[in-house]
């Protein structure tokens, strides 16, 4: 095996380098550990801002209140984004929550209970290989999940495949902070306080160390927008929130 081939089989897991085929299992282990306290930790880590970011995502999505609206929420196991979409849409809005991690989906099922009836379903599957028909969803969201996918380009291609013509992709994701002063404060909080809070709440701080590191390895907004365009989406843009801590990326299948 030559050096070039060896390099193409490697990827990052936080700040570590791992074989590409190993990453998914490592990520799964992280979310198995944090599933039961995932939403509590989101509140603590973001000072509750994640709620505003998700509300903004849904307000930009604008699910129809009158016509049929079939939506796919990927890496959304606990239901936080899906429930908002169902509440914002009308009675003909249906959301499929897809997640590779069964523990996260179990949290979502428990939270949903019987509130949404047959307007919601749960699918355990990988974002890189969706067990879904072509051109079958009006929109696709993924919130704070795309950076954990081993092959981001493959996941974007799969998103393009399952979205209907005229449908929209929306990605809510953290981004490395480059703003002077804010970047120092953000790094100090992320690498010190977040793992400590994770250990206090869940008994293990290491999963949160990975989650913090994974943000630093995620592409800058301009680079990620180019990846969305390469997957086939048009009218690609992004909106920075909270000083650029997170971005909402958007693209259309035209």
Protein backbone atom coordinates (compact mmCIF):
# COMPACT_ATOMS: atom_id res chain seq x y z
CA UNK A 1 0.00 0.00 0.00
CA UNK A 2 1.51 3.33 -1.01
CA UNK A 3 1.60 6.41 1.19
CA UNK A 4 -1.08 8.25 -0.79
CA UNK A 5 -3.55 5.35 -0.41
CA UNK A 6 -2.77 5.10 3.29
CA UNK A 7 -3.57 8.77 3.79
CA UNK A 8 -6.92 8.54 2.01
CA UNK A 9 -8.04 5.93 4.53
CA UNK A 10 -7.44 8.18 7.52
CA UNK A 11 -9.73 10.81 9.04
CA UNK A 12 -9.96 12.74 12.27
CA UNK A 13 -11.75 11.88 15.49
CA UNK A 14 -11.47 15.13 17.40
CA UNK A 15 -7.77 15.92 17.38
CA UNK A 16 -6.82 12.27 16.87
CA UNK A 17 -6.17 10.57 13.54
CA UNK A 18 -8.02 7.30 13.03
CA UNK A 19 -8.75 4.96 10.16
CA UNK A 20 -11.82 6.04 8.23
CA UNK A 21 -13.64 2.78 8.93
CA UNK A 22 -13.15 3.20 12.69
CA UNK A 23 -14.69 6.64 13.12
CA UNK A 24 -18.37 5.70 13.04
CA UNK A 25 -18.01 3.22 15.89
CA UNK A 26 -16.08 5.78 17.94
CA UNK A 27 -18.76 8.42 17.35
CA UNK A 28 -21.49 5.92 18.21
CA UNK A 29 -19.78 5.21 21.51
CA UNK A 30 -19.71 8.92 22.32
CA UNK A 31 -23.46 9.26 21.83
CA UNK A 32 -24.27 6.03 23.64
CA UNK A 33 -22.61 7.62 26.67
CA UNK A 34 -24.34 10.99 26.45
CA UNK A 35 -27.83 10.10 25.11
CA UNK A 36 -29.74 10.34 28.39
CA UNK A 37 -28.29 13.75 29.29
CA UNK A 38 -27.76 15.11 25.77
CA UNK A 39 -30.39 17.88 25.87
CA UNK A 40 -29.50 18.89 29.44
CA UNK A 41 -25.88 19.31 28.41
CA UNK A 42 -26.92 21.31 25.35
CA UNK A 43 -28.60 23.82 27.65
CA UNK A 44 -25.54 24.06 29.88
CA UNK A 45 -22.96 24.21 27.09
CA UNK A 46 -24.78 26.89 25.10
CA UNK A 47 -26.39 28.77 28.02
CA UNK A 48 -29.71 27.86 26.42
CA UNK A 49 -28.82 29.48 23.09
CA UNK A 50 -29.26 26.19 21.22
CA UNK A 51 -33.01 26.68 21.64
CA UNK A 52 -32.86 30.03 19.85
CA UNK A 53 -30.64 28.58 17.11
CA UNK A 54 -33.06 25.71 16.50
CA UNK A 55 -36.04 28.06 16.52
CA UNK A 56 -34.26 30.18 13.93
CA UNK A 57 -33.61 27.10 11.80
CA UNK A 58 -37.29 26.17 11.82
CA UNK A 59 -38.43 29.74 11.14
CA UNK A 60 -36.18 29.77 8.06
CA UNK A 61 -37.50 26.36 6.98
CA UNK A 62 -41.15 27.49 7.15
CA UNK A 63 -42.95 24.11 7.01
CA UNK A 64 -46.33 24.44 5.33
CA UNK A 65 -49.40 24.80 7.52
CA UNK A 66 -51.81 23.77 4.77
CA UNK A 67 -50.26 21.35 2.29
CA UNK A 68 -48.47 18.02 2.76
CA UNK A 69 -44.91 18.58 3.97
CA UNK A 70 -42.66 15.54 4.29
CA UNK A 71 -39.49 16.24 6.21
CA UNK A 72 -36.34 14.29 7.11
CA UNK A 73 -34.39 15.28 10.23
CA UNK A 74 -31.03 13.50 10.28
CA UNK A 75 -28.94 12.98 13.43
CA UNK A 76 -31.95 14.26 15.32
CA UNK A 77 -32.50 11.31 17.63
CA UNK A 78 -33.80 13.18 20.69
CA UNK A 79 -36.41 15.00 18.61
CA UNK A 80 -35.47 18.56 19.55
CA UNK A 81 -35.62 19.89 15.98
CA UNK A 82 -38.32 17.50 14.74
CA UNK A 83 -40.80 18.51 17.44
CA UNK A 84 -40.31 22.17 16.54
CA UNK A 85 -41.01 21.42 12.87
CA UNK A 86 -44.16 19.46 13.72
CA UNK A 87 -45.39 22.27 15.98
CA UNK A 88 -44.67 24.90 13.30
CA UNK A 89 -46.27 22.94 10.45
CA UNK A 90 -49.85 21.94 9.85
CA UNK A 91 -51.64 18.65 10.31
CA UNK A 92 -50.19 17.34 7.01
CA UNK A 93 -46.60 17.84 8.18
CA UNK A 94 -44.77 14.56 8.73
CA UNK A 95 -41.22 14.23 10.09
CA UNK A 96 -38.97 11.20 9.92
CA UNK A 97 -36.21 11.32 12.52
CA UNK A 98 -33.17 9.41 11.34
CA UNK A 99 -30.20 8.66 13.56
CA UNK A 100 -27.42 6.08 13.50
CA UNK A 101 -27.60 5.78 17.29
CA UNK A 102 -30.45 3.73 18.75
CA UNK A 103 -30.03 5.17 22.24
CA UNK A 104 -30.62 8.69 20.94
CA UNK A 105 -33.71 7.52 19.06
CA UNK A 106 -35.07 5.88 22.20
CA UNK A 107 -34.84 9.23 23.99
CA UNK A 108 -36.77 10.83 21.12
CA UNK A 109 -39.48 8.16 21.17
CA UNK A 110 -39.92 8.60 24.91
CA UNK A 111 -40.11 12.37 24.62
CA UNK A 112 -42.60 12.24 21.75
CA UNK A 113 -44.92 9.77 23.44
CA UNK A 114 -48.24 9.80 21.62
CA UNK A 115 -48.37 13.57 21.07
CA UNK A 116 -47.74 13.52 17.32
CA UNK A 117 -49.41 10.23 16.46
CA UNK A 118 -48.61 9.06 12.93
CA UNK A 119 -47.05 12.42 12.00
CA UNK A 120 -43.65 11.18 13.19
CA UNK A 121 -41.53 8.08 12.73
CA UNK A 122 -38.03 7.00 13.77
CA UNK A 123 -35.43 5.40 11.52
CA UNK A 124 -32.14 3.91 12.72
CA UNK A 125 -29.77 4.35 9.79
CA UNK A 126 -26.55 5.97 8.61
CA UNK A 127 -26.55 9.41 6.97
CA UNK A 128 -24.06 8.09 4.42
CA UNK A 129 -26.45 5.38 3.20
CA UNK A 130 -30.09 6.39 3.60
CA UNK A 131 -32.57 3.50 3.22
CA UNK A 132 -35.00 5.90 1.53
CA UNK A 133 -36.31 6.43 -2.01
CA UNK A 134 -35.00 9.13 -4.35
CA UNK A 135 -36.86 12.45 -4.41
CA UNK A 136 -39.04 11.64 -1.41
CA UNK A 137 -38.69 14.57 1.04
CA UNK A 138 -39.61 18.23 0.82
CA UNK A 139 -36.75 19.21 3.10
CA UNK A 140 -33.83 17.79 5.08
CA UNK A 141 -32.28 19.18 8.25
CA UNK A 142 -29.27 18.10 10.26
CA UNK A 143 -28.43 20.02 13.44
CA UNK A 144 -25.06 19.59 15.11
CA UNK A 145 -24.60 16.24 13.42
CA UNK A 146 -22.82 16.69 10.10
CA UNK A 147 -19.40 17.17 11.70
CA UNK A 148 -19.66 13.69 13.25
CA UNK A 149 -20.20 11.98 9.89
CA UNK A 150 -17.04 10.22 8.64
CA UNK A 151 -17.73 10.99 4.96
CA UNK A 152 -19.43 14.38 4.90
CA UNK A 153 -19.39 14.59 1.12
CA UNK A 154 -21.19 11.24 0.89
CA UNK A 155 -23.85 12.36 3.39
CA UNK A 156 -24.46 15.53 1.37
CA UNK A 157 -24.83 13.48 -1.82
CA UNK A 158 -27.35 11.24 -0.06
CA UNK A 159 -29.24 14.31 1.13
CA UNK A 160 -29.41 15.55 -2.45
CA UNK A 161 -30.68 12.17 -3.63
CA UNK A 162 -33.63 11.92 -1.23
CA UNK A 163 -34.78 15.56 -1.44
CA UNK A 164 -37.46 16.37 -4.03
CA UNK A 165 -36.86 18.85 -6.80
CA UNK A 166 -37.52 22.26 -5.31
CA UNK A 167 -36.67 20.96 -1.85
CA UNK A 168 -34.23 22.41 0.65
CA UNK A 169 -31.24 21.25 2.68
CA UNK A 170 -30.56 23.07 5.96
CA UNK A 171 -27.56 22.41 8.18
CA UNK A 172 -27.13 23.93 11.65
CA UNK A 173 -23.57 23.48 12.83
CA UNK A 174 -20.90 24.95 15.04
CA UNK A 175 -17.91 26.52 13.36
CA UNK A 176 -14.38 27.34 14.54
CA UNK A 177 -14.43 30.88 15.94
CA UNK A 178 -11.94 33.30 14.36
CA UNK A 179 -13.10 36.56 15.96
CA UNK A 180 -10.29 38.14 18.02
CA UNK A 181 -10.86 37.98 21.80
CA UNK A 182 -14.03 35.90 21.36
CA UNK A 183 -11.93 32.99 20.07
CA UNK A 184 -9.80 32.99 23.25
CA UNK A 185 -12.82 33.11 25.52
CA UNK A 186 -14.56 30.42 23.49
CA UNK A 187 -11.54 28.11 23.57
CA UNK A 188 -11.03 28.55 27.31
CA UNK A 189 -14.68 27.73 28.02
CA UNK A 190 -14.82 24.86 25.53
CA UNK A 191 -11.70 22.97 26.59
CA UNK A 192 -11.99 23.56 30.33
CA UNK A 193 -15.59 24.07 31.38
CA UNK A 194 -17.46 21.81 28.96
CA UNK A 195 -15.60 18.55 29.73
CA UNK A 196 -15.88 19.37 33.44
CA UNK A 197 -19.64 19.89 33.13
CA UNK A 198 -19.90 16.69 31.12
CA UNK A 199 -18.19 14.74 33.85
CA UNK A 200 -20.43 16.29 36.50
CA UNK A 201 -23.69 15.62 34.61
CA UNK A 202 -22.95 12.33 32.87
CA UNK A 203 -20.00 10.97 34.85
CA UNK A 204 -17.65 11.14 31.87
CA UNK A 205 -16.04 14.24 30.41
CA UNK A 206 -14.23 12.58 27.51
CA UNK A 207 -17.21 12.49 25.10
CA UNK A 208 -17.50 16.24 25.47
CA UNK A 209 -13.80 16.72 24.89
CA UNK A 210 -14.30 14.96 21.55
CA UNK A 211 -17.34 17.11 20.71
CA UNK A 212 -15.35 20.28 21.39
CA UNK A 213 -12.40 19.06 19.35
CA UNK A 214 -14.65 18.06 16.46
CA UNK A 215 -15.82 21.66 16.11
CA UNK A 216 -12.22 22.80 15.61
CA UNK A 217 -11.78 20.26 12.80
CA UNK A 218 -14.96 21.22 10.94
CA UNK A 219 -14.53 23.23 7.70
CA UNK A 220 -14.86 27.01 7.77
CA UNK A 221 -18.26 28.25 6.49
CA UNK A 222 -17.01 29.13 3.01
CA UNK A 223 -15.40 25.70 2.57
CA UNK A 224 -18.48 23.86 3.80
CA UNK A 225 -20.69 25.92 1.47
CA UNK A 226 -18.51 24.75 -1.41
CA UNK A 227 -19.02 21.14 -0.30
CA UNK A 228 -22.79 21.65 -0.39
CA UNK A 229 -22.50 23.07 -3.89
CA UNK A 230 -20.32 20.18 -5.03
CA UNK A 231 -23.07 17.77 -3.90
CA UNK A 232 -25.37 19.41 -6.44
CA UNK A 233 -27.26 22.02 -4.44
CA UNK A 234 -27.91 25.49 -5.84
CA UNK A 235 -28.44 28.92 -4.26
CA UNK A 236 -26.12 27.86 -1.43
CA UNK A 237 -25.69 30.35 1.39
CA UNK A 238 -25.15 30.52 5.12
CA UNK A 239 -26.21 32.72 8.02
CA UNK A 240 -23.97 33.30 11.02
CA UNK A 241 -25.55 33.34 14.47
CA UNK A 242 -24.18 34.48 17.85
CA UNK A 243 -21.02 36.04 16.51
CA UNK A 244 -20.31 33.14 14.17
CA UNK A 245 -20.32 30.45 16.85
CA UNK A 246 -22.85 28.59 14.70
CA UNK A 247 -24.04 28.85 11.10
CA UNK A 248 -27.19 27.82 9.30
CA UNK A 249 -26.26 26.57 5.84
CA UNK A 250 -28.87 26.26 3.12
CA UNK A 251 -29.03 24.81 -0.38
CA UNK A 252 -31.78 23.94 -2.85
CA UNK A 253 -32.28 21.00 -5.19
CA UNK A 254 -33.38 22.74 -8.38
